[in-house]
């Protein structure tokens, strides 16, 4: 398949089942809501080394939040329920509770209940107070700028992590421009995040390593400097490969984000240095979700 001069390789992205949640962070203004959201989602690019994958889903207008203030919607994913529960509590406690004027609320109404403010309330040292409104319990924890308001629980659902596609271009500048165009378009899709810095990965990995202590290592088939010494997957003219990884609350959301991103890259076309689009998989043996590029674009 050729689209605007770009070869769409006949391959698929292989993604995995994960556990995911959404939380809503509000504050006196959007600036402070984003301070908390950025801190909470820091060091959360890959479960390989970070425990969770997290990112800001979108900005929230006051009309969309429980307390009528501006905010941010954050998605957090992990490979296990236990790890997700632990990370949510730690991250909210260290980054949202500590951030001036913030409050935190559940972003999902279905799924398994997990603690949000349920244990953080003990920071109030006995001065915390609760109230049930419309069947939902909220905690008010005294802090030095007034009170920290937090909903007792949020919800955890089965989700999809590791959707991806690879952008092969003539050089790094062309690859970055194409990736940025894809991310800009994909940010309009609900229920997904692209967890790496700016949404883009330059250090794609393969399973395993020649070093026994590592479970993953550089994806040498797509490293242009190794073209002459490995079995390269790059076209002869390609000098760069950028990867975009997608996590979503549903398979449909990951599929739609993939489609939107692919369309944006193809819109730049061969004239902008985009040669081909590929994807990472493990032969279909590890992940239960397969996103076939040509099928998605057709």
C-alpha atoms as a PDB file:
ATOM      1  CA  UNK A   1       0.000   0.000   0.000  1.00  0.00           C
ATOM      2  CA  UNK A   2       1.301   3.446  -1.017  1.00  0.00           C
ATOM      3  CA  UNK A   3      -0.329   6.587   0.407  1.00  0.00           C
ATOM      4  CA  UNK A   4       0.907  10.000  -0.764  1.00  0.00           C
ATOM      5  CA  UNK A   5       4.187   8.356  -1.734  1.00  0.00           C
ATOM      6  CA  UNK A   6       4.601   6.670   1.659  1.00  0.00           C
ATOM      7  CA  UNK A   7       4.935   2.883   1.808  1.00  0.00           C
ATOM      8  CA  UNK A   8       2.635   1.336   4.433  1.00  0.00           C
ATOM      9  CA  UNK A   9       4.325  -1.929   5.289  1.00  0.00           C
ATOM     10  CA  UNK A  10       2.193  -5.061   5.514  1.00  0.00           C
ATOM     11  CA  UNK A  11       2.630  -5.542   9.241  1.00  0.00           C
ATOM     12  CA  UNK A  12       0.912  -4.974  12.580  1.00  0.00           C
ATOM     13  CA  UNK A  13       1.487  -3.515  16.018  1.00  0.00           C
ATOM     14  CA  UNK A  14       1.218  -6.011  18.840  1.00  0.00           C
ATOM     15  CA  UNK A  15      -0.256  -4.635  22.076  1.00  0.00           C
ATOM     16  CA  UNK A  16      -0.895  -6.077  25.506  1.00  0.00           C
ATOM     17  CA  UNK A  17      -3.639  -6.230  28.070  1.00  0.00           C
ATOM     18  CA  UNK A  18      -3.090  -3.773  30.912  1.00  0.00           C
ATOM     19  CA  UNK A  19      -4.996  -2.215  33.788  1.00  0.00           C
ATOM     20  CA  UNK A  20      -5.847   1.454  33.509  1.00  0.00           C
ATOM     21  CA  UNK A  21      -7.474   4.285  35.392  1.00  0.00           C
ATOM     22  CA  UNK A  22      -8.354   7.932  34.902  1.00  0.00           C
ATOM     23  CA  UNK A  23      -8.142  10.622  37.549  1.00  0.00           C
ATOM     24  CA  UNK A  24      -9.194  14.263  37.341  1.00  0.00           C
ATOM     25  CA  UNK A  25      -7.015  16.958  38.857  1.00  0.00           C
ATOM     26  CA  UNK A  26      -8.450  20.436  39.411  1.00  0.00           C
ATOM     27  CA  UNK A  27      -6.956  23.627  40.820  1.00  0.00           C
ATOM     28  CA  UNK A  28      -7.548  27.333  41.236  1.00  0.00           C
ATOM     29  CA  UNK A  29      -6.345  27.763  37.675  1.00  0.00           C
ATOM     30  CA  UNK A  30      -5.118  25.600  34.815  1.00  0.00           C
ATOM     31  CA  UNK A  31      -1.492  26.460  35.536  1.00  0.00           C
ATOM     32  CA  UNK A  32      -1.521  24.738  38.925  1.00  0.00           C
ATOM     33  CA  UNK A  33      -3.622  21.808  37.721  1.00  0.00           C
ATOM     34  CA  UNK A  34      -0.969  21.177  35.077  1.00  0.00           C
ATOM     35  CA  UNK A  35       1.883  21.536  37.562  1.00  0.00           C
ATOM     36  CA  UNK A  36       0.352  18.648  39.512  1.00  0.00           C
ATOM     37  CA  UNK A  37      -0.502  16.618  36.402  1.00  0.00           C
ATOM     38  CA  UNK A  38       2.998  16.956  34.944  1.00  0.00           C
ATOM     39  CA  UNK A  39       4.565  15.941  38.246  1.00  0.00           C
ATOM     40  CA  UNK A  40       2.228  12.949  38.651  1.00  0.00           C
ATOM     41  CA  UNK A  41       2.964  11.655  35.154  1.00  0.00           C
ATOM     42  CA  UNK A  42       6.730  12.127  35.417  1.00  0.00           C
ATOM     43  CA  UNK A  43       8.988   9.066  35.026  1.00  0.00           C
ATOM     44  CA  UNK A  44       6.097   7.028  33.630  1.00  0.00           C
ATOM     45  CA  UNK A  45       7.056   6.170  30.069  1.00  0.00           C
ATOM     46  CA  UNK A  46       7.383   2.385  30.172  1.00  0.00           C
ATOM     47  CA  UNK A  47       6.412  -0.372  32.566  1.00  0.00           C
ATOM     48  CA  UNK A  48       9.806  -1.933  31.785  1.00  0.00           C
ATOM     49  CA  UNK A  49      11.457   0.506  34.155  1.00  0.00           C
ATOM     50  CA  UNK A  50       8.854   2.874  35.567  1.00  0.00           C
ATOM     51  CA  UNK A  51       6.127   0.637  36.964  1.00  0.00           C
ATOM     52  CA  UNK A  52       3.406   2.557  35.136  1.00  0.00           C
ATOM     53  CA  UNK A  53       2.837   4.412  31.906  1.00  0.00           C
ATOM     54  CA  UNK A  54       1.005   7.698  32.391  1.00  0.00           C
ATOM     55  CA  UNK A  55       0.174  10.912  30.601  1.00  0.00           C
ATOM     56  CA  UNK A  56      -2.170  13.863  30.409  1.00  0.00           C
ATOM     57  CA  UNK A  57      -5.174  12.914  28.320  1.00  0.00           C
ATOM     58  CA  UNK A  58      -6.612  16.416  27.901  1.00  0.00           C
ATOM     59  CA  UNK A  59      -7.477  19.731  29.469  1.00  0.00           C
ATOM     60  CA  UNK A  60     -10.744  19.994  31.368  1.00  0.00           C
ATOM     61  CA  UNK A  61     -12.994  23.043  31.288  1.00  0.00           C
ATOM     62  CA  UNK A  62     -14.719  24.060  34.548  1.00  0.00           C
ATOM     63  CA  UNK A  63     -18.010  22.734  33.153  1.00  0.00           C
ATOM     64  CA  UNK A  64     -16.488  19.230  33.008  1.00  0.00           C
ATOM     65  CA  UNK A  65     -15.150  18.951  36.564  1.00  0.00           C
ATOM     66  CA  UNK A  66     -16.900  18.006  39.826  1.00  0.00           C
ATOM     67  CA  UNK A  67     -15.915  21.228  41.589  1.00  0.00           C
ATOM     68  CA  UNK A  68     -16.385  23.631  38.675  1.00  0.00           C
ATOM     69  CA  UNK A  69     -12.706  24.503  38.373  1.00  0.00           C
ATOM     70  CA  UNK A  70     -10.263  24.045  35.477  1.00  0.00           C
ATOM     71  CA  UNK A  71      -8.295  20.827  35.428  1.00  0.00           C
ATOM     72  CA  UNK A  72      -6.542  18.004  33.646  1.00  0.00           C
ATOM     73  CA  UNK A  73      -7.526  14.422  32.919  1.00  0.00           C
ATOM     74  CA  UNK A  74      -4.724  11.924  33.553  1.00  0.00           C
ATOM     75  CA  UNK A  75      -4.563   8.280  32.418  1.00  0.00           C
ATOM     76  CA  UNK A  76      -2.369   5.738  34.225  1.00  0.00           C
ATOM     77  CA  UNK A  77      -1.645   2.188  33.039  1.00  0.00           C
ATOM     78  CA  UNK A  78       0.210  -0.777  34.513  1.00  0.00           C
ATOM     79  CA  UNK A  79       0.739  -4.441  33.769  1.00  0.00           C
ATOM     80  CA  UNK A  80      -0.723  -5.480  37.125  1.00  0.00           C
ATOM     81  CA  UNK A  81      -3.568  -4.316  39.351  1.00  0.00           C
ATOM     82  CA  UNK A  82      -1.321  -4.345  42.414  1.00  0.00           C
ATOM     83  CA  UNK A  83       1.273  -2.090  40.818  1.00  0.00           C
ATOM     84  CA  UNK A  84      -1.346   0.304  39.483  1.00  0.00           C
ATOM     85  CA  UNK A  85      -2.976   0.668  42.913  1.00  0.00           C
ATOM     86  CA  UNK A  86       0.393   1.279  44.571  1.00  0.00           C
ATOM     87  CA  UNK A  87       1.540   3.822  42.001  1.00  0.00           C
ATOM     88  CA  UNK A  88      -1.710   5.794  42.009  1.00  0.00           C
ATOM     89  CA  UNK A  89      -1.596   6.227  45.774  1.00  0.00           C
ATOM     90  CA  UNK A  90       2.084   7.193  45.832  1.00  0.00           C
ATOM     91  CA  UNK A  91       1.891   9.577  42.913  1.00  0.00           C
ATOM     92  CA  UNK A  92      -1.265  11.357  44.069  1.00  0.00           C
ATOM     93  CA  UNK A  93       0.120  11.648  47.582  1.00  0.00           C
ATOM     94  CA  UNK A  94       3.471  13.049  46.504  1.00  0.00           C
ATOM     95  CA  UNK A  95       2.419  15.279  43.607  1.00  0.00           C
ATOM     96  CA  UNK A  96      -1.242  16.299  43.923  1.00  0.00           C
ATOM     97  CA  UNK A  97      -1.663  16.513  47.693  1.00  0.00           C
ATOM     98  CA  UNK A  98       1.494  18.619  47.799  1.00  0.00           C
ATOM     99  CA  UNK A  99       0.521  21.009  44.981  1.00  0.00           C
ATOM    100  CA  UNK A 100      -1.192  24.283  46.009  1.00  0.00           C
ATOM    101  CA  UNK A 101      -4.994  24.572  45.513  1.00  0.00           C
ATOM    102  CA  UNK A 102      -5.461  21.143  43.903  1.00  0.00           C
ATOM    103  CA  UNK A 103      -8.218  18.567  44.341  1.00  0.00           C
ATOM    104  CA  UNK A 104      -8.499  15.078  42.851  1.00  0.00           C
ATOM    105  CA  UNK A 105     -11.504  13.069  41.674  1.00  0.00           C
ATOM    106  CA  UNK A 106     -12.326   9.756  40.040  1.00  0.00           C
ATOM    107  CA  UNK A 107     -12.353   9.842  36.251  1.00  0.00           C
ATOM    108  CA  UNK A 108     -14.137   6.518  35.711  1.00  0.00           C
ATOM    109  CA  UNK A 109     -17.502   5.322  36.977  1.00  0.00           C
ATOM    110  CA  UNK A 110     -17.187   1.655  35.970  1.00  0.00           C
ATOM    111  CA  UNK A 111     -14.660  -1.026  36.874  1.00  0.00           C
ATOM    112  CA  UNK A 112     -13.058  -2.154  40.104  1.00  0.00           C
ATOM    113  CA  UNK A 113     -12.796   0.414  42.886  1.00  0.00           C
ATOM    114  CA  UNK A 114      -9.247   1.343  43.930  1.00  0.00           C
ATOM    115  CA  UNK A 115      -8.060   3.812  46.596  1.00  0.00           C
ATOM    116  CA  UNK A 116      -7.639   7.447  45.641  1.00  0.00           C
ATOM    117  CA  UNK A 117      -7.992   9.442  48.851  1.00  0.00           C
ATOM    118  CA  UNK A 118      -8.982   6.452  50.974  1.00  0.00           C
ATOM    119  CA  UNK A 119      -5.544   6.124  52.570  1.00  0.00           C
ATOM    120  CA  UNK A 120      -4.256   9.639  51.911  1.00  0.00           C
ATOM    121  CA  UNK A 121      -6.800  10.897  54.435  1.00  0.00           C
ATOM    122  CA  UNK A 122      -4.540   9.729  57.254  1.00  0.00           C
ATOM    123  CA  UNK A 123      -2.196  12.576  56.412  1.00  0.00           C
ATOM    124  CA  UNK A 124      -4.825  14.698  58.157  1.00  0.00           C
ATOM    125  CA  UNK A 125      -3.652  13.181  61.452  1.00  0.00           C
ATOM    126  CA  UNK A 126      -7.184  12.799  62.771  1.00  0.00           C
ATOM    127  CA  UNK A 127      -8.431  16.187  61.586  1.00  0.00           C
ATOM    128  CA  UNK A 128      -9.663  14.830  58.248  1.00  0.00           C
ATOM    129  CA  UNK A 129     -13.407  14.811  57.610  1.00  0.00           C
ATOM    130  CA  UNK A 130     -15.600  13.026  55.082  1.00  0.00           C
ATOM    131  CA  UNK A 131     -18.928  13.577  53.406  1.00  0.00           C
ATOM    132  CA  UNK A 132     -21.004  11.382  51.119  1.00  0.00           C
ATOM    133  CA  UNK A 133     -22.629  13.148  48.151  1.00  0.00           C
ATOM    134  CA  UNK A 134     -24.741  11.191  45.658  1.00  0.00           C
ATOM    135  CA  UNK A 135     -23.280   7.949  46.995  1.00  0.00           C
ATOM    136  CA  UNK A 136     -19.646   9.075  46.588  1.00  0.00           C
ATOM    137  CA  UNK A 137     -17.408   9.670  49.588  1.00  0.00           C
ATOM    138  CA  UNK A 138     -15.064  12.652  49.628  1.00  0.00           C
ATOM    139  CA  UNK A 139     -12.340  13.497  52.133  1.00  0.00           C
ATOM    140  CA  UNK A 140     -11.288  16.954  53.299  1.00  0.00           C
ATOM    141  CA  UNK A 141      -7.708  16.970  54.534  1.00  0.00           C
ATOM    142  CA  UNK A 142      -6.422  20.115  56.297  1.00  0.00           C
ATOM    143  CA  UNK A 143      -3.319  21.537  54.618  1.00  0.00           C
ATOM    144  CA  UNK A 144      -1.480  24.833  54.895  1.00  0.00           C
ATOM    145  CA  UNK A 145      -3.406  26.613  52.127  1.00  0.00           C
ATOM    146  CA  UNK A 146      -6.791  25.393  53.397  1.00  0.00           C
ATOM    147  CA  UNK A 147      -8.072  21.913  52.518  1.00  0.00           C
ATOM    148  CA  UNK A 148      -7.182  19.183  50.068  1.00  0.00           C
ATOM    149  CA  UNK A 149     -10.368  17.637  48.673  1.00  0.00           C
ATOM    150  CA  UNK A 150     -10.108  14.109  47.316  1.00  0.00           C
ATOM    151  CA  UNK A 151     -12.612  11.466  46.295  1.00  0.00           C
ATOM    152  CA  UNK A 152     -12.193   8.249  48.267  1.00  0.00           C
ATOM    153  CA  UNK A 153     -11.868   5.892  45.290  1.00  0.00           C
ATOM    154  CA  UNK A 154     -11.554   5.821  41.535  1.00  0.00           C
ATOM    155  CA  UNK A 155     -12.076   2.893  39.155  1.00  0.00           C
ATOM    156  CA  UNK A 156      -9.735   0.523  37.371  1.00  0.00           C
ATOM    157  CA  UNK A 157     -10.570  -1.174  34.057  1.00  0.00           C
ATOM    158  CA  UNK A 158      -8.974  -3.615  31.634  1.00  0.00           C
ATOM    159  CA  UNK A 159      -7.047  -1.607  29.066  1.00  0.00           C
ATOM    160  CA  UNK A 160      -4.605  -1.845  26.146  1.00  0.00           C
ATOM    161  CA  UNK A 161      -0.945  -0.864  26.186  1.00  0.00           C
ATOM    162  CA  UNK A 162       1.811  -0.869  23.612  1.00  0.00           C
ATOM    163  CA  UNK A 163       0.021   0.050  20.424  1.00  0.00           C
ATOM    164  CA  UNK A 164       2.649   1.569  18.152  1.00  0.00           C
ATOM    165  CA  UNK A 165       3.882   2.566  14.743  1.00  0.00           C
ATOM    166  CA  UNK A 166       7.287   3.442  13.285  1.00  0.00           C
ATOM    167  CA  UNK A 167       8.022   6.425  11.033  1.00  0.00           C
ATOM    168  CA  UNK A 168      10.933   5.920   8.624  1.00  0.00           C
ATOM    169  CA  UNK A 169      12.388   9.114   7.154  1.00  0.00           C
ATOM    170  CA  UNK A 170      15.489  10.406   5.420  1.00  0.00           C
ATOM    171  CA  UNK A 171      16.851  12.213   8.474  1.00  0.00           C
ATOM    172  CA  UNK A 172      16.072  13.036  12.081  1.00  0.00           C
ATOM    173  CA  UNK A 173      14.551  16.466  11.378  1.00  0.00           C
ATOM    174  CA  UNK A 174      12.093  14.947   8.915  1.00  0.00           C
ATOM    175  CA  UNK A 175      11.242  12.150  11.330  1.00  0.00           C
ATOM    176  CA  UNK A 176      10.649  14.522  14.221  1.00  0.00           C
ATOM    177  CA  UNK A 177       8.440  16.795  12.129  1.00  0.00           C
ATOM    178  CA  UNK A 178       6.326  13.824  11.003  1.00  0.00           C
ATOM    179  CA  UNK A 179       6.067  12.474  14.545  1.00  0.00           C
ATOM    180  CA  UNK A 180       5.060  15.874  15.898  1.00  0.00           C
ATOM    181  CA  UNK A 181       2.315  16.128  13.281  1.00  0.00           C
ATOM    182  CA  UNK A 182       1.031  12.695  14.303  1.00  0.00           C
ATOM    183  CA  UNK A 183       1.033  13.530  18.016  1.00  0.00           C
ATOM    184  CA  UNK A 184      -0.753  16.831  17.450  1.00  0.00           C
ATOM    185  CA  UNK A 185      -3.566  14.993  15.643  1.00  0.00           C
ATOM    186  CA  UNK A 186      -3.680  12.072  18.087  1.00  0.00           C
ATOM    187  CA  UNK A 187      -4.086  14.309  21.139  1.00  0.00           C
ATOM    188  CA  UNK A 188      -7.655  14.989  20.008  1.00  0.00           C
ATOM    189  CA  UNK A 189      -8.585  11.307  20.479  1.00  0.00           C
ATOM    190  CA  UNK A 190     -10.190  10.543  23.844  1.00  0.00           C
ATOM    191  CA  UNK A 191      -9.201   7.641  26.128  1.00  0.00           C
ATOM    192  CA  UNK A 192      -5.582   7.427  24.947  1.00  0.00           C
ATOM    193  CA  UNK A 193      -2.153   8.726  25.858  1.00  0.00           C
ATOM    194  CA  UNK A 194       1.241   8.586  24.204  1.00  0.00           C
ATOM    195  CA  UNK A 195       3.388   8.152  27.331  1.00  0.00           C
ATOM    196  CA  UNK A 196       6.906   8.956  26.114  1.00  0.00           C
ATOM    197  CA  UNK A 197       8.412  12.478  26.175  1.00  0.00           C
ATOM    198  CA  UNK A 198       6.465  14.577  23.700  1.00  0.00           C
ATOM    199  CA  UNK A 199       4.760  11.337  22.682  1.00  0.00           C
ATOM    200  CA  UNK A 200       7.756  10.175  20.647  1.00  0.00           C
ATOM    201  CA  UNK A 201      10.314   7.373  21.223  1.00  0.00           C
ATOM    202  CA  UNK A 202      13.761   7.297  19.655  1.00  0.00           C
ATOM    203  CA  UNK A 203      14.970   4.295  21.674  1.00  0.00           C
ATOM    204  CA  UNK A 204      12.623   1.587  20.488  1.00  0.00           C
ATOM    205  CA  UNK A 205      13.448  -1.794  22.008  1.00  0.00           C
ATOM    206  CA  UNK A 206      13.453  -5.463  21.160  1.00  0.00           C
ATOM    207  CA  UNK A 207      12.879  -8.332  23.566  1.00  0.00           C
ATOM    208  CA  UNK A 208      16.042  -9.670  25.179  1.00  0.00           C
ATOM    209  CA  UNK A 209      19.696  -8.703  25.158  1.00  0.00           C
ATOM    210  CA  UNK A 210      23.160 -10.227  24.988  1.00  0.00           C
ATOM    211  CA  UNK A 211      23.445  -9.036  28.601  1.00  0.00           C
ATOM    212  CA  UNK A 212      21.565 -11.390  30.932  1.00  0.00           C
ATOM    213  CA  UNK A 213      20.491  -8.613  33.303  1.00  0.00           C
ATOM    214  CA  UNK A 214      18.455  -6.836  30.611  1.00  0.00           C
ATOM    215  CA  UNK A 215      14.999  -7.917  29.471  1.00  0.00           C
ATOM    216  CA  UNK A 216      15.021  -5.470  26.531  1.00  0.00           C
ATOM    217  CA  UNK A 217      17.633  -3.730  24.414  1.00  0.00           C
ATOM    218  CA  UNK A 218      17.979  -1.382  21.459  1.00  0.00           C
ATOM    219  CA  UNK A 219      15.997  -2.297  18.361  1.00  0.00           C
ATOM    220  CA  UNK A 220      19.111  -2.689  16.206  1.00  0.00           C
ATOM    221  CA  UNK A 221      17.155  -3.484  13.034  1.00  0.00           C
ATOM    222  CA  UNK A 222      15.986   0.141  12.978  1.00  0.00           C
ATOM    223  CA  UNK A 223      19.239   1.826  14.081  1.00  0.00           C
ATOM    224  CA  UNK A 224      20.733   3.599  11.030  1.00  0.00           C
ATOM    225  CA  UNK A 225      24.303   3.503  12.392  1.00  0.00           C
ATOM    226  CA  UNK A 226      24.137  -0.314  12.554  1.00  0.00           C
ATOM    227  CA  UNK A 227      22.868  -0.818   9.026  1.00  0.00           C
ATOM    228  CA  UNK A 228      26.111  -2.422   7.796  1.00  0.00           C
ATOM    229  CA  UNK A 229      26.529  -4.867  10.689  1.00  0.00           C
ATOM    230  CA  UNK A 230      22.994  -6.152  11.418  1.00  0.00           C
ATOM    231  CA  UNK A 231      20.030  -7.339   9.402  1.00  0.00           C
ATOM    232  CA  UNK A 232      18.560  -3.882   8.936  1.00  0.00           C
ATOM    233  CA  UNK A 233      14.854  -3.192   8.387  1.00  0.00           C
ATOM    234  CA  UNK A 234      15.530   0.318   7.114  1.00  0.00           C
ATOM    235  CA  UNK A 235      15.331   1.352   3.454  1.00  0.00           C
ATOM    236  CA  UNK A 236      18.730   2.321   2.035  1.00  0.00           C
ATOM    237  CA  UNK A 237      17.916   6.034   2.079  1.00  0.00           C
ATOM    238  CA  UNK A 238      16.417   6.089   5.591  1.00  0.00           C
ATOM    239  CA  UNK A 239      18.521   7.829   8.211  1.00  0.00           C
ATOM    240  CA  UNK A 240      15.999   7.944  11.059  1.00  0.00           C
ATOM    241  CA  UNK A 241      13.213   5.963  12.699  1.00  0.00           C
ATOM    242  CA  UNK A 242      10.797   7.464  15.244  1.00  0.00           C
ATOM    243  CA  UNK A 243       8.294   5.383  17.199  1.00  0.00           C
ATOM    244  CA  UNK A 244       4.972   6.402  18.693  1.00  0.00           C
ATOM    245  CA  UNK A 245       3.554   4.217  21.477  1.00  0.00           C
ATOM    246  CA  UNK A 246      -0.137   4.334  22.388  1.00  0.00           C
ATOM    247  CA  UNK A 247      -1.950   3.251  25.560  1.00  0.00           C
ATOM    248  CA  UNK A 248      -5.721   3.341  25.739  1.00  0.00           C
ATOM    249  CA  UNK A 249      -8.672   2.478  27.919  1.00  0.00           C
ATOM    250  CA  UNK A 250     -10.188   0.514  25.026  1.00  0.00           C
ATOM    251  CA  UNK A 251      -9.021  -1.334  21.927  1.00  0.00           C
ATOM    252  CA  UNK A 252     -11.209   0.940  19.796  1.00  0.00           C
ATOM    253  CA  UNK A 253      -9.531   4.055  21.184  1.00  0.00           C
ATOM    254  CA  UNK A 254      -6.036   2.741  20.400  1.00  0.00           C
ATOM    255  CA  UNK A 255      -7.164   1.800  16.898  1.00  0.00           C
ATOM    256  CA  UNK A 256      -8.624   5.267  16.279  1.00  0.00           C
ATOM    257  CA  UNK A 257      -5.513   7.018  17.607  1.00  0.00           C
ATOM    258  CA  UNK A 258      -3.381   4.831  15.337  1.00  0.00           C
ATOM    259  CA  UNK A 259      -5.526   5.740  12.333  1.00  0.00           C
ATOM    260  CA  UNK A 260      -5.374   9.450  13.078  1.00  0.00           C
ATOM    261  CA  UNK A 261      -1.619   9.335  13.560  1.00  0.00           C
ATOM    262  CA  UNK A 262      -1.010   7.357  10.377  1.00  0.00           C
ATOM    263  CA  UNK A 263      -3.148   9.771   8.367  1.00  0.00           C
ATOM    264  CA  UNK A 264      -1.212  12.749   9.725  1.00  0.00           C
ATOM    265  CA  UNK A 265       2.141  11.195   8.807  1.00  0.00           C
ATOM    266  CA  UNK A 266       0.964  10.241   5.345  1.00  0.00           C
ATOM    267  CA  UNK A 267      -0.370  13.761   4.799  1.00  0.00           C
ATOM    268  CA  UNK A 268       3.217  15.021   4.986  1.00  0.00           C
ATOM    269  CA  UNK A 269       4.157  12.559   2.278  1.00  0.00           C
ATOM    270  CA  UNK A 270       7.284  11.514   0.447  1.00  0.00           C
ATOM    271  CA  UNK A 271       8.167  15.114  -0.404  1.00  0.00           C
ATOM    272  CA  UNK A 272       8.630  15.782   3.328  1.00  0.00           C
ATOM    273  CA  UNK A 273      11.040  12.864   3.608  1.00  0.00           C
ATOM    274  CA  UNK A 274       8.595  10.230   4.896  1.00  0.00           C
ATOM    275  CA  UNK A 275       9.549   6.959   3.212  1.00  0.00           C
ATOM    276  CA  UNK A 276       7.612   4.280   5.054  1.00  0.00           C
ATOM    277  CA  UNK A 277       5.532   3.416   8.092  1.00  0.00           C
ATOM    278  CA  UNK A 278       6.000   0.163   9.964  1.00  0.00           C
ATOM    279  CA  UNK A 279       5.149  -1.250  13.397  1.00  0.00           C
ATOM    280  CA  UNK A 280       6.648  -3.360  16.144  1.00  0.00           C
ATOM    281  CA  UNK A 281       5.446  -6.854  16.977  1.00  0.00           C
ATOM    282  CA  UNK A 282       6.609 -10.174  18.353  1.00  0.00           C
ATOM    283  CA  UNK A 283       5.154 -12.392  15.674  1.00  0.00           C
ATOM    284  CA  UNK A 284       1.753 -12.245  17.326  1.00  0.00           C
ATOM    285  CA  UNK A 285       2.844 -14.596  20.102  1.00  0.00           C
ATOM    286  CA  UNK A 286       2.898 -12.264  23.114  1.00  0.00           C
ATOM    287  CA  UNK A 287       0.188  -9.619  22.858  1.00  0.00           C
ATOM    288  CA  UNK A 288      -3.491 -10.357  22.306  1.00  0.00           C
ATOM    289  CA  UNK A 289      -4.210  -7.107  20.431  1.00  0.00           C
ATOM    290  CA  UNK A 290      -3.053  -6.789  16.817  1.00  0.00           C
ATOM    291  CA  UNK A 291      -3.377  -3.498  14.945  1.00  0.00           C
ATOM    292  CA  UNK A 292      -2.789  -4.109  11.226  1.00  0.00           C
ATOM    293  CA  UNK A 293      -1.636  -0.887   9.566  1.00  0.00           C
ATOM    294  CA  UNK A 294      -3.108  -1.427   6.114  1.00  0.00           C
ATOM    295  CA  UNK A 295      -6.422  -2.583   7.532  1.00  0.00           C
ATOM    296  CA  UNK A 296      -6.660   0.502   9.744  1.00  0.00           C
ATOM    297  CA  UNK A 297      -5.897   2.873   6.865  1.00  0.00           C
ATOM    298  CA  UNK A 298      -8.273   1.181   4.451  1.00  0.00           C
END
